[in-house]
C-alpha atoms as a PDB file:
ATOM      1  CA  MET A   1      63.708   7.273 -78.802  1.00  0.00           C
ATOM      2  CA  ALA A   2      62.191   9.458 -76.107  1.00  0.00           C
ATOM      3  CA  PRO A   3      64.039   9.259 -72.779  1.00  0.00           C
ATOM      4  CA  ASN A   4      62.569   7.535 -69.746  1.00  0.00           C
ATOM      5  CA  LYS A   5      60.042   9.868 -68.089  1.00  0.00           C
ATOM      6  CA  GLN A   6      59.655   8.212 -64.711  1.00  0.00           C
ATOM      7  CA  TRP A   7      61.647  11.044 -63.144  1.00  0.00           C
ATOM      8  CA  THR A   8      58.688  13.379 -63.697  1.00  0.00           C
ATOM      9  CA  GLN A   9      56.891  11.538 -60.877  1.00  0.00           C
ATOM     10  CA  LEU A  10      59.547  12.847 -58.472  1.00  0.00           C
ATOM     11  CA  VAL A  11      58.496  16.474 -58.790  1.00  0.00           C
ATOM     12  CA  ASP A  12      58.044  16.617 -55.003  1.00  0.00           C
ATOM     13  CA  HIS A  13      61.618  15.333 -54.542  1.00  0.00           C
ATOM     14  CA  ARG A  14      63.456  17.700 -56.859  1.00  0.00           C
ATOM     15  CA  LEU A  15      66.826  17.371 -55.095  1.00  0.00           C
ATOM     16  CA  ASP A  16      66.972  13.653 -55.793  1.00  0.00           C
ATOM     17  CA  GLU A  17      69.673  12.713 -58.298  1.00  0.00           C
ATOM     18  CA  THR A  18      67.194  10.771 -60.455  1.00  0.00           C
ATOM     19  CA  TYR A  19      65.063  13.897 -60.922  1.00  0.00           C
ATOM     20  CA  LEU A  20      68.054  16.136 -61.681  1.00  0.00           C
ATOM     21  CA  VAL A  21      69.442  13.685 -64.244  1.00  0.00           C
ATOM     22  CA  GLY A  22      65.981  13.469 -65.819  1.00  0.00           C
ATOM     23  CA  VAL A  23      65.879  17.259 -66.216  1.00  0.00           C
ATOM     24  CA  GLN A  24      69.198  17.212 -68.078  1.00  0.00           C
ATOM     25  CA  LYS A  25      68.057  14.401 -70.384  1.00  0.00           C
ATOM     26  CA  PHE A  26      64.823  16.271 -71.093  1.00  0.00           C
ATOM     27  CA  LEU A  27      66.726  19.439 -72.017  1.00  0.00           C
ATOM     28  CA  ASP A  28      69.131  17.555 -74.283  1.00  0.00           C
ATOM     29  CA  TYR A  29      66.212  15.828 -75.982  1.00  0.00           C
ATOM     30  CA  ALA A  30      64.094  18.994 -76.357  1.00  0.00           C
ATOM     31  CA  PHE A  31      66.828  21.148 -77.904  1.00  0.00           C
ATOM     32  CA  GLU A  32      67.880  18.355 -80.246  1.00  0.00           C
ATOM     33  CA  ARG A  33      64.376  17.460 -81.425  1.00  0.00           C
ATOM     34  CA  THR A  34      63.064  21.004 -81.870  1.00  0.00           C
ATOM     35  CA  GLY A  35      66.241  22.151 -83.602  1.00  0.00           C
ATOM     36  CA  GLU A  36      66.287  25.260 -81.426  1.00  0.00           C
ATOM     37  CA  GLN A  37      69.611  26.697 -80.271  1.00  0.00           C
ATOM     38  CA  TYR A  38      68.513  29.332 -77.773  1.00  0.00           C
ATOM     39  CA  GLU A  39      64.980  28.915 -76.422  1.00  0.00           C
ATOM     40  CA  ILE A  40      62.310  26.247 -75.975  1.00  0.00           C
ATOM     41  CA  ARG A  41      58.897  26.224 -74.336  1.00  0.00           C
ATOM     42  CA  CYS A  42      59.192  25.954 -70.571  1.00  0.00           C
ATOM     43  CA  PRO A  43      57.141  23.121 -68.968  1.00  0.00           C
ATOM     44  CA  TYR A  44      57.404  24.660 -65.498  1.00  0.00           C
ATOM     45  CA  VAL A  45      53.986  24.585 -63.810  1.00  0.00           C
ATOM     46  CA  LYS A  46      53.431  28.344 -64.170  1.00  0.00           C
ATOM     47  CA  CYS A  47      55.007  28.828 -67.616  1.00  0.00           C
ATOM     48  CA  TYR A  48      52.859  25.879 -68.780  1.00  0.00           C
ATOM     49  CA  ASN A  49      54.564  25.583 -72.180  1.00  0.00           C
ATOM     50  CA  THR A  50      53.351  29.053 -73.183  1.00  0.00           C
ATOM     51  CA  ILE A  51      56.558  30.975 -72.371  1.00  0.00           C
ATOM     52  CA  LEU A  52      59.944  30.513 -74.027  1.00  0.00           C
ATOM     53  CA  GLY A  53      63.078  30.113 -71.943  1.00  0.00           C
ATOM     54  CA  THR A  54      66.800  29.611 -72.464  1.00  0.00           C
ATOM     55  CA  HIS A  55      68.493  26.348 -71.524  1.00  0.00           C
ATOM     56  CA  LYS A  56      69.547  27.821 -68.177  1.00  0.00           C
ATOM     57  CA  THR A  57      66.146  29.377 -67.439  1.00  0.00           C
ATOM     58  CA  VAL A  58      64.205  26.177 -68.147  1.00  0.00           C
ATOM     59  CA  GLU A  59      66.747  24.138 -66.179  1.00  0.00           C
ATOM     60  CA  THR A  60      66.393  26.443 -63.172  1.00  0.00           C
ATOM     61  CA  HIS A  61      62.586  26.442 -63.341  1.00  0.00           C
ATOM     62  CA  LEU A  62      62.411  22.648 -63.471  1.00  0.00           C
ATOM     63  CA  GLN A  63      64.939  22.178 -60.676  1.00  0.00           C
ATOM     64  CA  VAL A  64      63.474  24.798 -58.344  1.00  0.00           C
ATOM     65  CA  TYR A  65      59.741  24.612 -59.100  1.00  0.00           C
ATOM     66  CA  GLY A  66      59.137  21.341 -60.948  1.00  0.00           C
ATOM     67  CA  ILE A  67      57.725  20.101 -64.244  1.00  0.00           C
ATOM     68  CA  ILE A  68      54.011  19.808 -65.072  1.00  0.00           C
ATOM     69  CA  LYS A  69      53.140  16.444 -63.538  1.00  0.00           C
ATOM     70  CA  ASN A  70      50.982  15.186 -66.377  1.00  0.00           C
ATOM     71  CA  TYR A  71      53.197  16.427 -69.201  1.00  0.00           C
ATOM     72  CA  THR A  72      54.391  12.973 -70.219  1.00  0.00           C
ATOM     73  CA  PHE A  73      53.960  13.229 -73.986  1.00  0.00           C
ATOM     74  CA  TRP A  74      56.378  15.980 -74.975  1.00  0.00           C
ATOM     75  CA  TYR A  75      54.666  17.187 -78.136  1.00  0.00           C
ATOM     76  CA  HIS A  76      55.794  20.785 -77.489  1.00  0.00           C
ATOM     77  CA  HIS A  77      59.359  19.512 -77.518  1.00  0.00           C
ATOM     78  CA  GLY A  78      59.471  17.349 -80.624  1.00  0.00           C
ATOM     79  CA  GLU A  79      58.142  13.985 -79.491  1.00  0.00           C
ATOM     80  CA  ARG A  80      56.124  12.038 -82.058  1.00  0.00           C
ATOM     81  CA  LEU A  81      53.374   9.491 -81.445  1.00  0.00           C
ATOM     82  CA  CYS A  82      55.104   6.800 -83.487  1.00  0.00           C
ATOM     83  CA  GLU A  83      58.333   7.286 -81.571  1.00  0.00           C
ATOM     84  CA  PRO A  84      59.332   4.306 -79.387  1.00  0.00           C
ATOM     85  CA  LEU A  85      59.576   4.920 -75.658  1.00  0.00           C
ATOM     86  CA  SER A  86      62.432   3.919 -73.416  1.00  0.00           C
ATOM     87  CA  GLU A  87      61.749   0.603 -71.744  1.00  0.00           C
ATOM     88  CA  SER A  88      60.320   0.894 -68.261  1.00  0.00           C
ATOM     89  CA  LYS A  89      58.328  -1.198 -65.845  1.00  0.00           C
ATOM     90  CA  SER A  90      54.622  -0.501 -65.521  1.00  0.00           C
ATOM     91  CA  LYS A  91      55.198   0.072 -61.808  1.00  0.00           C
ATOM     92  CA  PHE A  92      58.385   1.273 -60.180  1.00  0.00           C
ATOM     93  CA  GLU A  93      59.703   2.653 -56.954  1.00  0.00           C
ATOM     94  CA  PHE A  94      62.343   5.257 -56.276  1.00  0.00           C
ATOM     95  CA  ALA A  95      64.058   5.041 -52.901  1.00  0.00           C
ATOM     96  CA  PHE A  96      65.520   8.072 -51.161  1.00  0.00           C
ATOM     97  CA  GLY A  97      68.074   8.483 -48.434  1.00  0.00           C
ATOM     98  CA  ASP A  98      65.365   9.252 -45.876  1.00  0.00           C
ATOM     99  CA  GLY A  99      63.530   6.021 -46.637  1.00  0.00           C
ATOM    100  CA  VAL A 100      60.762   7.678 -48.647  1.00  0.00           C
ATOM    101  CA  GLN A 101      59.457   5.666 -51.580  1.00  0.00           C
ATOM    102  CA  VAL A 102      57.315   6.884 -54.456  1.00  0.00           C
ATOM    103  CA  GLU A 103      55.333   4.483 -56.623  1.00  0.00           C
ATOM    104  CA  GLU A 104      54.046   5.497 -60.016  1.00  0.00           C
ATOM    105  CA  CYS A 105      50.399   4.984 -60.829  1.00  0.00           C
ATOM    106  CA  GLU A 106      49.594   3.002 -63.972  1.00  0.00           C
ATOM    107  CA  SER A 107      46.401   4.844 -64.927  1.00  0.00           C
ATOM    108  CA  ASP A 108      47.949   7.925 -66.554  1.00  0.00           C
ATOM    109  CA  ASP A 109      50.301   5.736 -68.603  1.00  0.00           C
ATOM    110  CA  GLU A 110      47.287   3.737 -69.759  1.00  0.00           C
ATOM    111  CA  VAL A 111      45.457   6.908 -70.809  1.00  0.00           C
ATOM    112  CA  GLN A 112      48.516   8.081 -72.744  1.00  0.00           C
ATOM    113  CA  GLU A 113      48.765   4.709 -74.517  1.00  0.00           C
ATOM    114  CA  LEU A 114      45.053   4.974 -75.346  1.00  0.00           C
ATOM    115  CA  LEU A 115      45.655   8.364 -76.987  1.00  0.00           C
ATOM    116  CA  ARG A 116      48.515   6.896 -79.001  1.00  0.00           C
ATOM    117  CA  ASP A 117      46.336   3.993 -80.166  1.00  0.00           C
ATOM    118  CA  LEU A 118      43.421   6.258 -81.100  1.00  0.00           C
ATOM    119  CA  TYR A 119      45.506   8.700 -83.143  1.00  0.00           C
ATOM    120  CA  PRO A 120      48.374   6.667 -84.658  1.00  0.00           C
ATOM    121  CA  ASN A 121      48.643   8.945 -87.697  1.00  0.00           C
ATOM    122  CA  LEU A 122      49.418  12.057 -85.675  1.00  0.00           C
ATOM    123  CA  ASP A 123      53.156  12.072 -85.220  1.00  0.00           C
ATOM    124  CA  GLY A 124      53.500  15.620 -83.934  1.00  0.00           C
ATOM    125  CA  GLY A 125      55.263  16.807 -87.060  1.00  0.00           C
ATOM    126  CA  THR A 126      58.585  16.126 -88.740  1.00  0.00           C
ATOM    127  CA  THR A 127      61.790  15.034 -87.087  1.00  0.00           C
ATOM    128  CA  HIS A 128      62.489  18.574 -85.908  1.00  0.00           C
ATOM    129  CA  VAL A 129      59.307  20.099 -84.570  1.00  0.00           C
ATOM    130  CA  ASP A 130      59.024  23.521 -83.072  1.00  0.00           C
ATOM    131  CA  GLY A 131      56.080  24.145 -80.778  1.00  0.00           C
ATOM    132  CA  ASP A 132      55.510  27.544 -82.395  1.00  0.00           C
ATOM    133  CA  ASP A 133      55.238  25.927 -85.821  1.00  0.00           C
ATOM    134  CA  LEU A 134      52.614  23.573 -84.439  1.00  0.00           C
ATOM    135  CA  LEU A 135      50.565  26.525 -83.265  1.00  0.00           C
ATOM    136  CA  LYS A 136      50.876  28.434 -86.554  1.00  0.00           C
ATOM    137  CA  GLU A 137      49.553  25.571 -88.665  1.00  0.00           C
ATOM    138  CA  GLU A 138      45.795  25.064 -88.693  1.00  0.00           C
ATOM    139  CA  PRO A 139      45.257  21.468 -87.522  1.00  0.00           C
ATOM    140  CA  ASN A 140      42.660  19.228 -89.130  1.00  0.00           C
ATOM    141  CA  VAL A 141      39.621  17.959 -87.223  1.00  0.00           C
ATOM    142  CA  GLU A 142      41.352  14.783 -86.030  1.00  0.00           C
ATOM    143  CA  ALA A 143      44.377  16.751 -84.850  1.00  0.00           C
ATOM    144  CA  LYS A 144      42.178  19.226 -82.968  1.00  0.00           C
ATOM    145  CA  ARG A 145      40.487  16.368 -81.122  1.00  0.00           C
ATOM    146  CA  PHE A 146      43.837  14.851 -80.271  1.00  0.00           C
ATOM    147  CA  TYR A 147      45.322  18.079 -78.918  1.00  0.00           C
ATOM    148  CA  ASN A 148      42.161  18.812 -76.928  1.00  0.00           C
ATOM    149  CA  LEU A 149      42.489  15.394 -75.290  1.00  0.00           C
ATOM    150  CA  LEU A 150      46.163  16.004 -74.596  1.00  0.00           C
ATOM    151  CA  LYS A 151      45.231  19.283 -72.950  1.00  0.00           C
ATOM    152  CA  ASP A 152      42.711  17.505 -70.715  1.00  0.00           C
ATOM    153  CA  PHE A 153      45.273  14.794 -69.976  1.00  0.00           C
ATOM    154  CA  GLU A 154      47.906  17.335 -68.932  1.00  0.00           C
ATOM    155  CA  GLN A 155      45.474  19.495 -66.979  1.00  0.00           C
ATOM    156  CA  PRO A 156      45.509  18.521 -63.287  1.00  0.00           C
ATOM    157  CA  LEU A 157      42.185  17.818 -61.608  1.00  0.00           C
ATOM    158  CA  TYR A 158      42.967  20.752 -59.327  1.00  0.00           C
ATOM    159  CA  GLN A 159      46.088  22.714 -58.439  1.00  0.00           C
ATOM    160  CA  ASN A 160      48.911  20.396 -57.294  1.00  0.00           C
ATOM    161  CA  SER A 161      46.764  17.317 -57.923  1.00  0.00           C
ATOM    162  CA  LYS A 162      48.613  14.180 -59.018  1.00  0.00           C
ATOM    163  CA  ALA A 163      45.577  13.042 -61.010  1.00  0.00           C
ATOM    164  CA  SER A 164      44.699  14.551 -64.376  1.00  0.00           C
ATOM    165  CA  LYS A 165      41.274  15.776 -65.413  1.00  0.00           C
ATOM    166  CA  LEU A 166      40.941  13.101 -68.099  1.00  0.00           C
ATOM    167  CA  SER A 167      42.081  10.101 -66.042  1.00  0.00           C
ATOM    168  CA  SER A 168      39.806  11.132 -63.140  1.00  0.00           C
ATOM    169  CA  LEU A 169      36.840  11.486 -65.462  1.00  0.00           C
ATOM    170  CA  ILE A 170      37.429   8.056 -67.004  1.00  0.00           C
ATOM    171  CA  LYS A 171      37.533   6.459 -63.541  1.00  0.00           C
ATOM    172  CA  LEU A 172      34.308   8.174 -62.456  1.00  0.00           C
ATOM    173  CA  LEU A 173      32.487   7.118 -65.616  1.00  0.00           C
ATOM    174  CA  HIS A 174      33.761   3.566 -65.143  1.00  0.00           C
ATOM    175  CA  ILE A 175      32.222   3.527 -61.645  1.00  0.00           C
ATOM    176  CA  LYS A 176      28.970   4.907 -63.093  1.00  0.00           C
ATOM    177  CA  SER A 177      28.873   2.085 -65.621  1.00  0.00           C
ATOM    178  CA  ILE A 178      29.611  -0.663 -63.075  1.00  0.00           C
ATOM    179  CA  GLY A 179      27.105   0.740 -60.579  1.00  0.00           C
ATOM    180  CA  CYS A 180      24.407   1.334 -63.216  1.00  0.00           C
ATOM    181  CA  TRP A 181      23.969   4.928 -62.053  1.00  0.00           C
ATOM    182  CA  SER A 182      21.485   7.144 -63.819  1.00  0.00           C
ATOM    183  CA  ASN A 183      22.719  10.195 -65.710  1.00  0.00           C
ATOM    184  CA  ALA A 184      20.986  12.435 -63.172  1.00  0.00           C
ATOM    185  CA  SER A 185      22.695  10.771 -60.203  1.00  0.00           C
ATOM    186  CA  PHE A 186      26.090  11.102 -61.909  1.00  0.00           C
ATOM    187  CA  THR A 187      25.473  14.816 -62.433  1.00  0.00           C
ATOM    188  CA  MET A 188      24.563  15.120 -58.740  1.00  0.00           C
ATOM    189  CA  LEU A 189      27.843  13.408 -57.802  1.00  0.00           C
ATOM    190  CA  LEU A 190      29.899  15.748 -59.994  1.00  0.00           C
ATOM    191  CA  LYS A 191      28.236  18.807 -58.475  1.00  0.00           C
ATOM    192  CA  MET A 192      28.766  17.547 -54.919  1.00  0.00           C
ATOM    193  CA  LEU A 193      32.445  16.804 -55.620  1.00  0.00           C
ATOM    194  CA  LYS A 194      32.981  20.281 -57.068  1.00  0.00           C
ATOM    195  CA  GLU A 195      30.977  22.221 -54.504  1.00  0.00           C
ATOM    196  CA  GLU A 196      31.692  20.348 -51.268  1.00  0.00           C
ATOM    197  CA  LEU A 197      34.691  18.015 -51.469  1.00  0.00           C
ATOM    198  CA  LEU A 198      37.250  19.245 -54.006  1.00  0.00           C
ATOM    199  CA  PRO A 199      39.163  22.560 -53.860  1.00  0.00           C
ATOM    200  CA  ASP A 200      37.921  25.667 -55.646  1.00  0.00           C
ATOM    201  CA  GLY A 201      38.907  25.783 -59.295  1.00  0.00           C
ATOM    202  CA  THR A 202      38.555  22.033 -59.809  1.00  0.00           C
ATOM    203  CA  ASN A 203      38.632  21.156 -63.529  1.00  0.00           C
ATOM    204  CA  LEU A 204      35.823  18.624 -63.348  1.00  0.00           C
ATOM    205  CA  PRO A 205      32.746  19.055 -65.589  1.00  0.00           C
ATOM    206  CA  ASN A 206      29.544  19.732 -63.671  1.00  0.00           C
ATOM    207  CA  SER A 207      27.210  17.449 -65.618  1.00  0.00           C
ATOM    208  CA  TYR A 208      27.071  14.037 -67.255  1.00  0.00           C
ATOM    209  CA  TYR A 209      26.365  15.723 -70.600  1.00  0.00           C
ATOM    210  CA  LYS A 210      29.638  17.685 -70.485  1.00  0.00           C
ATOM    211  CA  ALA A 211      31.578  14.639 -69.277  1.00  0.00           C
ATOM    212  CA  LYS A 212      30.192  12.560 -72.148  1.00  0.00           C
ATOM    213  CA  LYS A 213      31.270  15.189 -74.691  1.00  0.00           C
ATOM    214  CA  ILE A 214      34.865  14.864 -73.489  1.00  0.00           C
ATOM    215  CA  ILE A 215      34.825  11.068 -73.485  1.00  0.00           C
ATOM    216  CA  LYS A 216      33.304  10.899 -76.971  1.00  0.00           C
ATOM    217  CA  GLU A 217      36.595  12.245 -78.312  1.00  0.00           C
ATOM    218  CA  LEU A 218      38.224   9.071 -76.960  1.00  0.00           C
ATOM    219  CA  GLY A 219      36.030   6.970 -79.216  1.00  0.00           C
ATOM    220  CA  LEU A 220      34.131   5.550 -76.249  1.00  0.00           C
ATOM    221  CA  SER A 221      30.663   6.450 -77.491  1.00  0.00           C
ATOM    222  CA  TYR A 222      28.121   3.697 -78.073  1.00  0.00           C
ATOM    223  CA  ASN A 223      24.898   2.735 -79.795  1.00  0.00           C
ATOM    224  CA  LYS A 224      22.063   1.516 -77.567  1.00  0.00           C
ATOM    225  CA  ILE A 225      20.122  -1.467 -78.936  1.00  0.00           C
ATOM    226  CA  ASP A 226      16.998  -2.887 -77.305  1.00  0.00           C
ATOM    227  CA  ALA A 227      17.225  -6.576 -76.353  1.00  0.00           C
ATOM    228  CA  CYS A 228      14.825  -9.312 -75.294  1.00  0.00           C
ATOM    229  CA  THR A 229      14.507  -9.479 -71.512  1.00  0.00           C
ATOM    230  CA  ASN A 230      15.356 -13.212 -71.763  1.00  0.00           C
ATOM    231  CA  ASP A 231      18.379 -12.567 -74.017  1.00  0.00           C
ATOM    232  CA  CYS A 232      16.796 -14.327 -76.997  1.00  0.00           C
ATOM    233  CA  MET A 233      17.343 -11.620 -79.602  1.00  0.00           C
ATOM    234  CA  LEU A 234      18.192  -8.007 -80.384  1.00  0.00           C
ATOM    235  CA  TYR A 235      15.658  -5.561 -81.779  1.00  0.00           C
ATOM    236  CA  TRP A 236      17.995  -4.594 -84.580  1.00  0.00           C
ATOM    237  CA  LYS A 237      17.944  -4.072 -88.338  1.00  0.00           C
ATOM    238  CA  GLU A 238      14.856  -5.836 -89.748  1.00  0.00           C
ATOM    239  CA  ASP A 239      13.643  -6.599 -86.200  1.00  0.00           C
ATOM    240  CA  SER A 240      13.971  -3.039 -84.928  1.00  0.00           C
ATOM    241  CA  GLN A 241      10.206  -2.340 -85.118  1.00  0.00           C
ATOM    242  CA  LEU A 242       9.001  -5.471 -83.283  1.00  0.00           C
ATOM    243  CA  ASP A 243       7.075  -5.066 -80.007  1.00  0.00           C
ATOM    244  CA  SER A 244       7.730  -8.571 -78.683  1.00  0.00           C
ATOM    245  CA  CYS A 245      10.378 -11.272 -78.937  1.00  0.00           C
ATOM    246  CA  LYS A 246       9.904 -13.517 -81.956  1.00  0.00           C
ATOM    247  CA  VAL A 247      11.513 -16.396 -80.017  1.00  0.00           C
ATOM    248  CA  CYS A 248       9.835 -16.407 -76.589  1.00  0.00           C
ATOM    249  CA  GLY A 249       7.062 -13.856 -77.107  1.00  0.00           C
ATOM    250  CA  ALA A 250       8.125 -11.608 -74.195  1.00  0.00           C
ATOM    251  CA  SER A 251       7.166  -7.954 -74.444  1.00  0.00           C
ATOM    252  CA  ARG A 252       9.867  -5.531 -75.482  1.00  0.00           C
ATOM    253  CA  TRP A 253       8.505  -2.720 -73.324  1.00  0.00           C
ATOM    254  CA  LYS A 254       8.154  -1.925 -69.649  1.00  0.00           C
ATOM    255  CA  ILE A 255       4.544  -1.974 -68.446  1.00  0.00           C
ATOM    256  CA  ASP A 256       3.078   0.347 -65.811  1.00  0.00           C
ATOM    257  CA  ILE A 257       1.736  -2.017 -63.110  1.00  0.00           C
ATOM    258  CA  HIS A 258      -0.933   0.495 -62.085  1.00  0.00           C
ATOM    259  CA  CYS A 259      -2.628   0.985 -65.440  1.00  0.00           C
ATOM    260  CA  GLY A 260      -1.305  -1.937 -67.472  1.00  0.00           C
ATOM    261  CA  LYS A 261      -0.085   0.339 -70.254  1.00  0.00           C
ATOM    262  CA  THR A 262       3.377   0.714 -71.746  1.00  0.00           C
ATOM    263  CA  ARG A 263       5.568   3.047 -69.708  1.00  0.00           C
ATOM    264  CA  ASN A 264       6.741   6.195 -71.461  1.00  0.00           C
ATOM    265  CA  LYS A 265       9.548   8.649 -70.923  1.00  0.00           C
ATOM    266  CA  LYS A 266       9.337  11.936 -72.784  1.00  0.00           C
ATOM    267  CA  GLY A 267       6.882  10.375 -75.218  1.00  0.00           C
ATOM    268  CA  LYS A 268       9.041   7.320 -75.926  1.00  0.00           C
ATOM    269  CA  ARG A 269       8.379   3.785 -74.787  1.00  0.00           C
ATOM    270  CA  ILE A 270      10.929   2.285 -72.384  1.00  0.00           C
ATOM    271  CA  ALA A 271      12.560  -1.030 -73.286  1.00  0.00           C
ATOM    272  CA  LEU A 272      12.989  -3.719 -70.621  1.00  0.00           C
ATOM    273  CA  LYS A 273      16.614  -4.340 -71.545  1.00  0.00           C
ATOM    274  CA  ASN A 274      19.306  -2.589 -73.594  1.00  0.00           C
ATOM    275  CA  LEU A 275      22.604  -3.620 -75.083  1.00  0.00           C
ATOM    276  CA  ARG A 276      25.279  -0.949 -75.415  1.00  0.00           C
ATOM    277  CA  TYR A 277      27.415  -1.424 -78.500  1.00  0.00           C
ATOM    278  CA  PHE A 278      30.660   0.524 -78.141  1.00  0.00           C
ATOM    279  CA  ARG A 279      31.963   2.011 -81.380  1.00  0.00           C
END
């Protein structure tokens, strides 16, 4: 069972006993699960799991500088997807001597659980998994998608950001869906956020097209099916070629009020209503 990871949220309070105990439990877990005796990958924010360090070196880095905030699935240190997690509340608070309290956000945990649900067959390897071995083996297509998503999940939105690139993108696309924004307006928002509001080096895509490519890996893509404007039927399967509703007779297509002809966009007629079927 992987140890409780709530201590990783205290990276800005590294002298707190809860954080220090968490570091020790992480080190014990990592050396045991990887089977390494001398060195493991260091999850310090600058080493970023690409540099090996001894027990003492990694301990010092984590205590002095802090762990990567979004590194909550320890696949570089032997954790497997099917491995049960230590019980913890969905929300918690740590209290400090100076009265400061830190509350964990649920969204990143939800994204991590989504990744686990989407890729249940990827267990990160055998009981003892070395990060180097993972890199030497050529992963299959499903594994590549999974590790790309993990990379986006771990990658902060910008330097020292508490939010990850992936969780931020999901929230923005959720707002787009609720607000019925056009793809063009969403691209304009992304560009404004990157160019005017967020710090330089922000890891946000600059277009809806690029954002959609990332989200497709989560299995959140959909099929768009035309529907009757009065919700009588779907233009689907044997009815996919109809121009009007076979129940109420309403037209399937938008009509240009100026000329009375069917409205077109890039040579295609525009339906009055669509249903999005998520796959």
